[in-house]
PDB file of all heavy atoms in Angstrom:
ATOM      1  N   PHE A   1      86.913 113.310  70.822  1.00  0.00           N
ATOM      2  CA  PHE A   1      87.126 112.170  71.708  1.00  0.00           C
ATOM      3  C   PHE A   1      86.343 110.970  71.190  1.00  0.00           C
ATOM      4  O   PHE A   1      85.114 110.899  71.341  1.00  0.00           O
ATOM      5  CB  PHE A   1      86.692 112.514  73.131  1.00  0.00           C
ATOM      6  CG  PHE A   1      87.433 113.688  73.718  1.00  0.00           C
ATOM      7  CD1 PHE A   1      86.766 114.862  74.017  1.00  0.00           C
ATOM      8  CD2 PHE A   1      88.797 113.621  73.958  1.00  0.00           C
ATOM      9  CE1 PHE A   1      87.439 115.938  74.561  1.00  0.00           C
ATOM     10  CE2 PHE A   1      89.477 114.701  74.501  1.00  0.00           C
ATOM     11  CZ  PHE A   1      88.803 115.865  74.803  1.00  0.00           C
ATOM     12  N   THR A   2      87.046 110.020  70.586  1.00  0.00           N
ATOM     13  CA  THR A   2      86.419 108.841  69.985  1.00  0.00           C
ATOM     14  C   THR A   2      87.179 107.583  70.395  1.00  0.00           C
ATOM     15  O   THR A   2      88.236 107.659  71.035  1.00  0.00           O
ATOM     16  CB  THR A   2      86.415 108.937  68.451  1.00  0.00           C
ATOM     17  OG1 THR A   2      87.747 108.726  67.962  1.00  0.00           O
ATOM     18  CG2 THR A   2      85.910 110.300  67.973  1.00  0.00           C
ATOM     19  N   ILE A   3      86.664 106.434  69.972  1.00  0.00           N
ATOM     20  CA  ILE A   3      87.375 105.195  70.291  1.00  0.00           C
ATOM     21  C   ILE A   3      88.732 105.139  69.602  1.00  0.00           C
ATOM     22  O   ILE A   3      89.590 104.354  70.004  1.00  0.00           O
ATOM     23  CB  ILE A   3      86.545 103.946  69.937  1.00  0.00           C
ATOM     24  CG1 ILE A   3      86.231 103.869  68.439  1.00  0.00           C
ATOM     25  CG2 ILE A   3      85.273 103.895  70.756  1.00  0.00           C
ATOM     26  CD1 ILE A   3      85.636 102.537  68.033  1.00  0.00           C
ATOM     27  N   ARG A   4      88.946 105.971  68.598  1.00  0.00           N
ATOM     28  CA  ARG A   4      90.243 106.021  67.922  1.00  0.00           C
ATOM     29  C   ARG A   4      91.252 106.896  68.663  1.00  0.00           C
ATOM     30  O   ARG A   4      92.456 106.674  68.558  1.00  0.00           O
ATOM     31  CB  ARG A   4      90.081 106.555  66.499  1.00  0.00           C
ATOM     32  CG  ARG A   4      89.178 105.745  65.591  1.00  0.00           C
ATOM     33  CD  ARG A   4      89.725 104.372  65.313  1.00  0.00           C
ATOM     34  NE  ARG A   4      89.066 103.750  64.171  1.00  0.00           N
ATOM     35  CZ  ARG A   4      88.975 102.446  63.994  1.00  0.00           C
ATOM     36  NH1 ARG A   4      89.496 101.617  64.889  1.00  0.00           N
ATOM     37  NH2 ARG A   4      88.365 101.947  62.930  1.00  0.00           N
ATOM     38  N   THR A   5      90.786 107.893  69.389  1.00  0.00           N
ATOM     39  CA  THR A   5      91.707 108.867  69.996  1.00  0.00           C
ATOM     40  C   THR A   5      91.860 108.733  71.509  1.00  0.00           C
ATOM     41  O   THR A   5      92.913 109.081  72.056  1.00  0.00           O
ATOM     42  CB  THR A   5      91.242 110.303  69.688  1.00  0.00           C
ATOM     43  OG1 THR A   5      89.950 110.519  70.287  1.00  0.00           O
ATOM     44  CG2 THR A   5      91.141 110.537  68.187  1.00  0.00           C
ATOM     45  N   VAL A   6      90.830 108.247  72.196  1.00  0.00           N
ATOM     46  CA  VAL A   6      90.873 108.229  73.658  1.00  0.00           C
ATOM     47  C   VAL A   6      91.901 107.251  74.214  1.00  0.00           C
ATOM     48  O   VAL A   6      92.548 107.557  75.237  1.00  0.00           O
ATOM     49  CB  VAL A   6      89.464 107.979  74.237  1.00  0.00           C
ATOM     50  CG1 VAL A   6      89.513 107.730  75.745  1.00  0.00           C
ATOM     51  CG2 VAL A   6      88.561 109.177  73.934  1.00  0.00           C
ATOM     52  N   PRO A   7      92.130 106.063  73.602  1.00  0.00           N
ATOM     53  CA  PRO A   7      93.158 105.180  74.170  1.00  0.00           C
ATOM     54  C   PRO A   7      94.539 105.824  74.281  1.00  0.00           C
ATOM     55  O   PRO A   7      95.230 105.660  75.303  1.00  0.00           O
ATOM     56  CB  PRO A   7      93.162 103.984  73.210  1.00  0.00           C
ATOM     57  CG  PRO A   7      91.748 103.923  72.714  1.00  0.00           C
ATOM     58  CD  PRO A   7      91.356 105.364  72.547  1.00  0.00           C
ATOM     59  N   GLU A   8      94.961 106.570  73.274  1.00  0.00           N
ATOM     60  CA  GLU A   8      96.254 107.248  73.349  1.00  0.00           C
ATOM     61  C   GLU A   8      96.243 108.298  74.441  1.00  0.00           C
ATOM     62  O   GLU A   8      97.216 108.443  75.197  1.00  0.00           O
ATOM     63  CB  GLU A   8      96.594 107.876  71.999  1.00  0.00           C
ATOM     64  CG  GLU A   8      97.963 108.541  71.935  1.00  0.00           C
ATOM     65  CD  GLU A   8      98.005 109.941  72.542  1.00  0.00           C
ATOM     66  OE1 GLU A   8      96.959 110.641  72.506  1.00  0.00           O
ATOM     67  OE2 GLU A   8      99.075 110.330  73.062  1.00  0.00           O
ATOM     68  N   ARG A   9      95.144 109.027  74.555  1.00  0.00           N
ATOM     69  CA  ARG A   9      95.014 110.044  75.601  1.00  0.00           C
ATOM     70  C   ARG A   9      95.079 109.390  76.981  1.00  0.00           C
ATOM     71  O   ARG A   9      95.755 109.898  77.893  1.00  0.00           O
ATOM     72  CB  ARG A   9      93.689 110.784  75.416  1.00  0.00           C
ATOM     73  CG  ARG A   9      93.341 111.785  76.520  1.00  0.00           C
ATOM     74  CD  ARG A   9      91.960 112.391  76.263  1.00  0.00           C
ATOM     75  NE  ARG A   9      91.486 113.142  77.403  1.00  0.00           N
ATOM     76  CZ  ARG A   9      91.734 114.428  77.619  1.00  0.00           C
ATOM     77  NH1 ARG A   9      92.476 115.107  76.770  1.00  0.00           N
ATOM     78  NH2 ARG A   9      91.242 115.039  78.683  1.00  0.00           N
ATOM     79  N   PHE A  10      94.404 108.266  77.134  1.00  0.00           N
ATOM     80  CA  PHE A  10      94.388 107.565  78.419  1.00  0.00           C
ATOM     81  C   PHE A  10      95.788 107.059  78.771  1.00  0.00           C
ATOM     82  O   PHE A  10      96.231 107.164  79.921  1.00  0.00           O
ATOM     83  CB  PHE A  10      93.404 106.399  78.370  1.00  0.00           C
ATOM     84  CG  PHE A  10      93.152 105.754  79.696  1.00  0.00           C
ATOM     85  CD1 PHE A  10      92.152 106.222  80.531  1.00  0.00           C
ATOM     86  CD2 PHE A  10      93.907 104.671  80.121  1.00  0.00           C
ATOM     87  CE1 PHE A  10      91.917 105.639  81.768  1.00  0.00           C
ATOM     88  CE2 PHE A  10      93.686 104.070  81.350  1.00  0.00           C
ATOM     89  CZ  PHE A  10      92.682 104.557  82.169  1.00  0.00           C
ATOM     90  N   ALA A  11      96.501 106.523  77.778  1.00  0.00           N
ATOM     91  CA  ALA A  11      97.860 106.039  78.013  1.00  0.00           C
ATOM     92  C   ALA A  11      98.792 107.180  78.420  1.00  0.00           C
ATOM     93  O   ALA A  11      99.713 106.989  79.225  1.00  0.00           O
ATOM     94  CB  ALA A  11      98.382 105.343  76.762  1.00  0.00           C
ATOM     95  N   ARG A  12      98.531 108.360  77.890  1.00  0.00           N
ATOM     96  CA  ARG A  12      99.396 109.518  78.140  1.00  0.00           C
ATOM     97  C   ARG A  12      99.049 110.213  79.452  1.00  0.00           C
ATOM     98  O   ARG A  12      99.944 110.615  80.214  1.00  0.00           O
ATOM     99  CB  ARG A  12      99.276 110.493  76.956  1.00  0.00           C
ATOM    100  CG  ARG A  12     100.041 111.793  77.095  1.00  0.00           C
ATOM    101  CD  ARG A  12     100.113 112.511  75.753  1.00  0.00           C
ATOM    102  NE  ARG A  12      98.851 112.496  75.033  1.00  0.00           N
ATOM    103  CZ  ARG A  12      97.883 113.407  75.174  1.00  0.00           C
ATOM    104  NH1 ARG A  12      98.058 114.424  76.006  1.00  0.00           N
ATOM    105  NH2 ARG A  12      96.776 113.324  74.455  1.00  0.00           N
ATOM    106  N   LEU A  13      97.775 110.375  79.737  1.00  0.00           N
ATOM    107  CA  LEU A  13      97.338 111.158  80.891  1.00  0.00           C
ATOM    108  C   LEU A  13      96.864 110.315  82.066  1.00  0.00           C
ATOM    109  O   LEU A  13      96.761 110.822  83.188  1.00  0.00           O
ATOM    110  CB  LEU A  13      96.195 112.098  80.477  1.00  0.00           C
ATOM    111  CG  LEU A  13      96.487 113.129  79.396  1.00  0.00           C
ATOM    112  CD1 LEU A  13      95.222 113.929  79.078  1.00  0.00           C
ATOM    113  CD2 LEU A  13      97.616 114.055  79.825  1.00  0.00           C
ATOM    114  N   GLY A  14      96.559 109.046  81.811  1.00  0.00           N
ATOM    115  CA  GLY A  14      95.936 108.242  82.848  1.00  0.00           C
ATOM    116  C   GLY A  14      94.474 108.628  83.015  1.00  0.00           C
ATOM    117  O   GLY A  14      93.905 109.363  82.204  1.00  0.00           O
ATOM    118  N   ASP A  15      93.872 108.156  84.072  1.00  0.00           N
ATOM    119  CA  ASP A  15      92.463 108.445  84.340  1.00  0.00           C
ATOM    120  C   ASP A  15      92.358 109.766  85.087  1.00  0.00           C
ATOM    121  O   ASP A  15      92.773 109.874  86.244  1.00  0.00           O
ATOM    122  CB  ASP A  15      91.848 107.310  85.155  1.00  0.00           C
ATOM    123  CG  ASP A  15      90.372 107.537  85.446  1.00  0.00           C
ATOM    124  OD1 ASP A  15      89.793 108.492  84.880  1.00  0.00           O
ATOM    125  OD2 ASP A  15      89.807 106.760  86.241  1.00  0.00           O
ATOM    126  N   LEU A  16      91.791 110.770  84.438  1.00  0.00           N
ATOM    127  CA  LEU A  16      91.647 112.076  85.083  1.00  0.00           C
ATOM    128  C   LEU A  16      90.630 112.042  86.231  1.00  0.00           C
ATOM    129  O   LEU A  16      90.527 113.010  86.990  1.00  0.00           O
ATOM    130  CB  LEU A  16      91.248 113.132  84.051  1.00  0.00           C
ATOM    131  CG  LEU A  16      92.302 113.438  82.983  1.00  0.00           C
ATOM    132  CD1 LEU A  16      91.805 114.528  82.041  1.00  0.00           C
ATOM    133  CD2 LEU A  16      93.629 113.850  83.609  1.00  0.00           C
ATOM    134  N   HIS A  17      89.885 110.959  86.355  1.00  0.00           N
ATOM    135  CA  HIS A  17      88.968 110.796  87.484  1.00  0.00           C
ATOM    136  C   HIS A  17      89.534 109.857  88.542  1.00  0.00           C
ATOM    137  O   HIS A  17      88.794 109.354  89.393  1.00  0.00           O
ATOM    138  CB  HIS A  17      87.608 110.274  87.006  1.00  0.00           C
ATOM    139  CG  HIS A  17      86.758 111.313  86.369  1.00  0.00           C
ATOM    140  ND1 HIS A  17      85.434 111.095  86.019  1.00  0.00           N
ATOM    141  CD2 HIS A  17      87.018 112.604  86.009  1.00  0.00           C
ATOM    142  CE1 HIS A  17      84.935 112.195  85.458  1.00  0.00           C
ATOM    143  NE2 HIS A  17      85.873 113.111  85.453  1.00  0.00           N
ATOM    144  N   ALA A  18      90.838 109.620  88.508  1.00  0.00           N
ATOM    145  CA  ALA A  18      91.444 108.656  89.430  1.00  0.00           C
ATOM    146  C   ALA A  18      91.240 109.041  90.895  1.00  0.00           C
ATOM    147  O   ALA A  18      91.183 108.170  91.765  1.00  0.00           O
ATOM    148  CB  ALA A  18      92.929 108.507  89.127  1.00  0.00           C
ATOM    149  N   ALA A  19      91.125 110.329  91.176  1.00  0.00           N
ATOM    150  CA  ALA A  19      90.996 110.779  92.566  1.00  0.00           C
ATOM    151  C   ALA A  19      89.548 111.014  92.976  1.00  0.00           C
ATOM    152  O   ALA A  19      89.289 111.540  94.059  1.00  0.00           O
ATOM    153  CB  ALA A  19      91.795 112.068  92.767  1.00  0.00           C
ATOM    154  N   ILE A  20      88.593 110.587  92.152  1.00  0.00           N
ATOM    155  CA  ILE A  20      87.192 110.942  92.405  1.00  0.00           C
ATOM    156  C   ILE A  20      86.666 110.359  93.714  1.00  0.00           C
ATOM    157  O   ILE A  20      85.783 110.931  94.355  1.00  0.00           O
ATOM    158  CB  ILE A  20      86.301 110.515  91.213  1.00  0.00           C
ATOM    159  CG1 ILE A  20      84.926 111.192  91.294  1.00  0.00           C
ATOM    160  CG2 ILE A  20      86.184 109.000  91.126  1.00  0.00           C
ATOM    161  CD1 ILE A  20      84.096 111.035  90.036  1.00  0.00           C
ATOM    162  N   ASP A  21      87.219 109.232  94.155  1.00  0.00           N
ATOM    163  CA  ASP A  21      86.737 108.611  95.387  1.00  0.00           C
ATOM    164  C   ASP A  21      87.507 109.055  96.630  1.00  0.00           C
ATOM    165  O   ASP A  21      87.246 108.555  97.722  1.00  0.00           O
ATOM    166  CB  ASP A  21      86.830 107.082  95.262  1.00  0.00           C
ATOM    167  CG  ASP A  21      85.831 106.522  94.263  1.00  0.00           C
ATOM    168  OD1 ASP A  21      84.661 106.924  94.325  1.00  0.00           O
ATOM    169  OD2 ASP A  21      86.225 105.692  93.420  1.00  0.00           O
ATOM    170  N   ASP A  22      88.429 109.997  96.464  1.00  0.00           N
ATOM    171  CA  ASP A  22      89.280 110.384  97.595  1.00  0.00           C
ATOM    172  C   ASP A  22      88.511 111.103  98.700  1.00  0.00           C
ATOM    173  O   ASP A  22      88.884 111.014  99.872  1.00  0.00           O
ATOM    174  CB  ASP A  22      90.436 111.273  97.119  1.00  0.00           C
ATOM    175  CG  ASP A  22      91.505 110.489  96.367  1.00  0.00           C
ATOM    176  OD1 ASP A  22      91.364 109.254  96.251  1.00  0.00           O
ATOM    177  OD2 ASP A  22      92.461 111.121  95.879  1.00  0.00           O
ATOM    178  N   GLU A  23      87.488 111.838  98.321  1.00  0.00           N
ATOM    179  CA  GLU A  23      86.734 112.596  99.322  1.00  0.00           C
ATOM    180  C   GLU A  23      85.271 112.659  98.926  1.00  0.00           C
ATOM    181  O   GLU A  23      84.937 112.862  97.766  1.00  0.00           O
ATOM    182  CB  GLU A  23      87.291 114.014  99.471  1.00  0.00           C
ATOM    183  CG  GLU A  23      86.653 114.799 100.599  1.00  0.00           C
ATOM    184  CD  GLU A  23      87.353 116.116 100.891  1.00  0.00           C
ATOM    185  OE1 GLU A  23      88.315 116.456 100.172  1.00  0.00           O
ATOM    186  OE2 GLU A  23      86.941 116.805 101.840  1.00  0.00           O
ATOM    187  N   ALA A  24      84.406 112.470  99.920  1.00  0.00           N
ATOM    188  CA  ALA A  24      82.964 112.564  99.706  1.00  0.00           C
ATOM    189  C   ALA A  24      82.440 113.768 100.475  1.00  0.00           C
ATOM    190  O   ALA A  24      82.868 114.039 101.602  1.00  0.00           O
ATOM    191  CB  ALA A  24      82.268 111.288 100.162  1.00  0.00           C
ATOM    192  N   TYR A  25      81.484 114.478  99.869  1.00  0.00           N
ATOM    193  CA  TYR A  25      81.045 115.766 100.403  1.00  0.00           C
ATOM    194  C   TYR A  25      79.619 115.709 100.937  1.00  0.00           C
ATOM    195  O   TYR A  25      78.832 114.829 100.590  1.00  0.00           O
ATOM    196  CB  TYR A  25      81.157 116.831  99.308  1.00  0.00           C
ATOM    197  CG  TYR A  25      82.565 117.037  98.836  1.00  0.00           C
ATOM    198  CD1 TYR A  25      83.059 116.347  97.729  1.00  0.00           C
ATOM    199  CD2 TYR A  25      83.436 117.891  99.509  1.00  0.00           C
ATOM    200  CE1 TYR A  25      84.363 116.512  97.294  1.00  0.00           C
ATOM    201  CE2 TYR A  25      84.748 118.071  99.093  1.00  0.00           C
ATOM    202  CZ  TYR A  25      85.198 117.376  97.978  1.00  0.00           C
ATOM    203  OH  TYR A  25      86.501 117.542  97.567  1.00  0.00           O
ATOM    204  N   SER A  26      79.313 116.698 101.762  1.00  0.00           N
ATOM    205  CA  SER A  26      77.979 116.833 102.327  1.00  0.00           C
ATOM    206  C   SER A  26      77.091 117.649 101.397  1.00  0.00           C
ATOM    207  O   SER A  26      77.557 118.540 100.678  1.00  0.00           O
ATOM    208  CB  SER A  26      78.058 117.530 103.688  1.00  0.00           C
ATOM    209  OG  SER A  26      76.757 117.826 104.182  1.00  0.00           O
ATOM    210  N   LEU A  27      75.791 117.360 101.436  1.00  0.00           N
ATOM    211  CA  LEU A  27      74.804 118.134 100.686  1.00  0.00           C
ATOM    212  C   LEU A  27      74.064 119.132 101.579  1.00  0.00           C
ATOM    213  O   LEU A  27      73.115 119.773 101.116  1.00  0.00           O
ATOM    214  CB  LEU A  27      73.773 117.195 100.034  1.00  0.00           C
ATOM    215  CG  LEU A  27      74.270 116.271  98.920  1.00  0.00           C
ATOM    216  CD1 LEU A  27      73.125 115.380  98.444  1.00  0.00           C
ATOM    217  CD2 LEU A  27      74.838 117.083  97.757  1.00  0.00           C
ATOM    218  N   GLN A  28      74.505 119.285 102.816  1.00  0.00           N
ATOM    219  CA  GLN A  28      73.732 120.062 103.768  1.00  0.00           C
ATOM    220  C   GLN A  28      73.486 121.493 103.292  1.00  0.00           C
ATOM    221  O   GLN A  28      72.362 122.001 103.373  1.00  0.00           O
ATOM    222  CB  GLN A  28      74.442 120.080 105.124  1.00  0.00           C
ATOM    223  CG  GLN A  28      73.585 120.653 106.243  1.00  0.00           C
ATOM    224  CD  GLN A  28      72.274 119.909 106.411  1.00  0.00           C
ATOM    225  OE1 GLN A  28      72.263 118.683 106.455  1.00  0.00           O
ATOM    226  NE2 GLN A  28      71.166 120.637 106.499  1.00  0.00           N
ATOM    227  N   THR A  29      74.531 122.165 102.791  1.00  0.00           N
ATOM    228  CA  THR A  29      74.345 123.545 102.343  1.00  0.00           C
ATOM    229  C   THR A  29      73.364 123.616 101.184  1.00  0.00           C
ATOM    230  O   THR A  29      72.483 124.494 101.131  1.00  0.00           O
ATOM    231  CB  THR A  29      75.688 124.161 101.939  1.00  0.00           C
ATOM    232  OG1 THR A  29      76.548 124.188 103.078  1.00  0.00           O
ATOM    233  CG2 THR A  29      75.500 125.585 101.423  1.00  0.00           C
ATOM    234  N   LEU A  30      73.471 122.714 100.244  1.00  0.00           N
ATOM    235  CA  LEU A  30      72.551 122.715  99.099  1.00  0.00           C
ATOM    236  C   LEU A  30      71.122 122.441  99.545  1.00  0.00           C
ATOM    237  O   LEU A  30      70.171 123.035  99.005  1.00  0.00           O
ATOM    238  CB  LEU A  30      72.990 121.669  98.070  1.00  0.00           C
ATOM    239  CG  LEU A  30      74.195 122.041  97.214  1.00  0.00           C
ATOM    240  CD1 LEU A  30      74.648 120.849  96.385  1.00  0.00           C
ATOM    241  CD2 LEU A  30      73.870 123.218  96.295  1.00  0.00           C
ATOM    242  N   LEU A  31      70.941 121.573 100.512  1.00  0.00           N
ATOM    243  CA  LEU A  31      69.585 121.305 100.995  1.00  0.00           C
ATOM    244  C   LEU A  31      69.020 122.514 101.733  1.00  0.00           C
ATOM    245  O   LEU A  31      67.804 122.772 101.678  1.00  0.00           O
ATOM    246  CB  LEU A  31      69.586 120.066 101.894  1.00  0.00           C
ATOM    247  CG  LEU A  31      69.871 118.749 101.148  1.00  0.00           C
ATOM    248  CD1 LEU A  31      70.052 117.598 102.122  1.00  0.00           C
ATOM    249  CD2 LEU A  31      68.742 118.437 100.160  1.00  0.00           C
ATOM    250  N   GLU A  32      69.882 123.290 102.374  1.00  0.00           N
ATOM    251  CA  GLU A  32      69.423 124.553 102.978  1.00  0.00           C
ATOM    252  C   GLU A  32      69.017 125.537 101.883  1.00  0.00           C
ATOM    253  O   GLU A  32      68.027 126.269 102.032  1.00  0.00           O
ATOM    254  CB  GLU A  32      70.533 125.140 103.846  1.00  0.00           C
ATOM    255  CG  GLU A  32      70.800 124.311 105.098  1.00  0.00           C
ATOM    256  CD  GLU A  32      72.048 124.749 105.846  1.00  0.00           C
ATOM    257  OE1 GLU A  32      72.695 125.740 105.405  1.00  0.00           O
ATOM    258  OE2 GLU A  32      72.384 124.120 106.871  1.00  0.00           O
ATOM    259  N   TRP A  33      69.759 125.546 100.782  1.00  0.00           N
ATOM    260  CA  TRP A  33      69.366 126.384  99.650  1.00  0.00           C
ATOM    261  C   TRP A  33      68.014 125.922  99.104  1.00  0.00           C
ATOM    262  O   TRP A  33      67.172 126.759  98.727  1.00  0.00           O
ATOM    263  CB  TRP A  33      70.409 126.308  98.537  1.00  0.00           C
ATOM    264  CG  TRP A  33      71.711 126.964  98.839  1.00  0.00           C
ATOM    265  CD1 TRP A  33      72.090 127.550 100.008  1.00  0.00           C
ATOM    266  CD2 TRP A  33      72.819 127.085  97.946  1.00  0.00           C
ATOM    267  NE1 TRP A  33      73.368 128.039  99.912  1.00  0.00           N
ATOM    268  CE2 TRP A  33      73.843 127.772  98.652  1.00  0.00           C
ATOM    269  CE3 TRP A  33      73.056 126.692  96.642  1.00  0.00           C
ATOM    270  CZ2 TRP A  33      75.080 128.066  98.070  1.00  0.00           C
ATOM    271  CZ3 TRP A  33      74.284 126.981  96.061  1.00  0.00           C
ATOM    272  CH2 TRP A  33      75.286 127.659  96.765  1.00  0.00           C
ATOM    273  N   ALA A  34      67.807 124.618  99.046  1.00  0.00           N
ATOM    274  CA  ALA A  34      66.530 124.087  98.552  1.00  0.00           C
ATOM    275  C   ALA A  34      65.380 124.531  99.456  1.00  0.00           C
ATOM    276  O   ALA A  34      64.305 124.935  98.974  1.00  0.00           O
ATOM    277  CB  ALA A  34      66.600 122.566  98.471  1.00  0.00           C
ATOM    278  N   ASP A  35      65.591 124.463 100.782  1.00  0.00           N
ATOM    279  CA  ASP A  35      64.565 124.929 101.726  1.00  0.00           C
ATOM    280  C   ASP A  35      64.264 126.409 101.487  1.00  0.00           C
ATOM    281  O   ASP A  35      63.092 126.831 101.483  1.00  0.00           O
ATOM    282  CB  ASP A  35      65.035 124.727 103.168  1.00  0.00           C
ATOM    283  CG  ASP A  35      65.112 123.258 103.568  1.00  0.00           C
ATOM    284  OD1 ASP A  35      64.453 122.427 102.901  1.00  0.00           O
ATOM    285  OD2 ASP A  35      65.834 122.952 104.543  1.00  0.00           O
ATOM    286  N   ARG A  36      65.307 127.202 101.298  1.00  0.00           N
ATOM    287  CA  ARG A  36      65.148 128.638 101.052  1.00  0.00           C
ATOM    288  C   ARG A  36      64.315 128.879  99.792  1.00  0.00           C
ATOM    289  O   ARG A  36      63.389 129.708  99.785  1.00  0.00           O
ATOM    290  CB  ARG A  36      66.523 129.272 100.911  1.00  0.00           C
ATOM    291  CG  ARG A  36      66.543 130.731 100.506  1.00  0.00           C
ATOM    292  CD  ARG A  36      67.880 131.086  99.887  1.00  0.00           C
ATOM    293  NE  ARG A  36      68.136 130.362  98.645  1.00  0.00           N
ATOM    294  CZ  ARG A  36      69.327 130.268  98.048  1.00  0.00           C
ATOM    295  NH1 ARG A  36      70.394 130.840  98.595  1.00  0.00           N
ATOM    296  NH2 ARG A  36      69.459 129.598  96.921  1.00  0.00           N
ATOM    297  N   ASP A  37      64.642 128.163  98.728  1.00  0.00           N
ATOM    298  CA  ASP A  37      63.921 128.349  97.464  1.00  0.00           C
ATOM    299  C   ASP A  37      62.455 127.966  97.600  1.00  0.00           C
ATOM    300  O   ASP A  37      61.565 128.647  97.065  1.00  0.00           O
ATOM    301  CB  ASP A  37      64.580 127.519  96.360  1.00  0.00           C
ATOM    302  CG  ASP A  37      65.937 128.056  95.942  1.00  0.00           C
ATOM    303  OD1 ASP A  37      66.262 129.204  96.315  1.00  0.00           O
ATOM    304  OD2 ASP A  37      66.673 127.324  95.246  1.00  0.00           O
TER     305      ASP A  37
END
């Protein structure tokens, strides 16, 4: 993955992170794990 190859990949596949902002998650379970540890 270089500046020579990624533009073609992007044109073909689009942004694979396009949906990254669709849902935001809670950290509550992980913080309970932190308390446990």
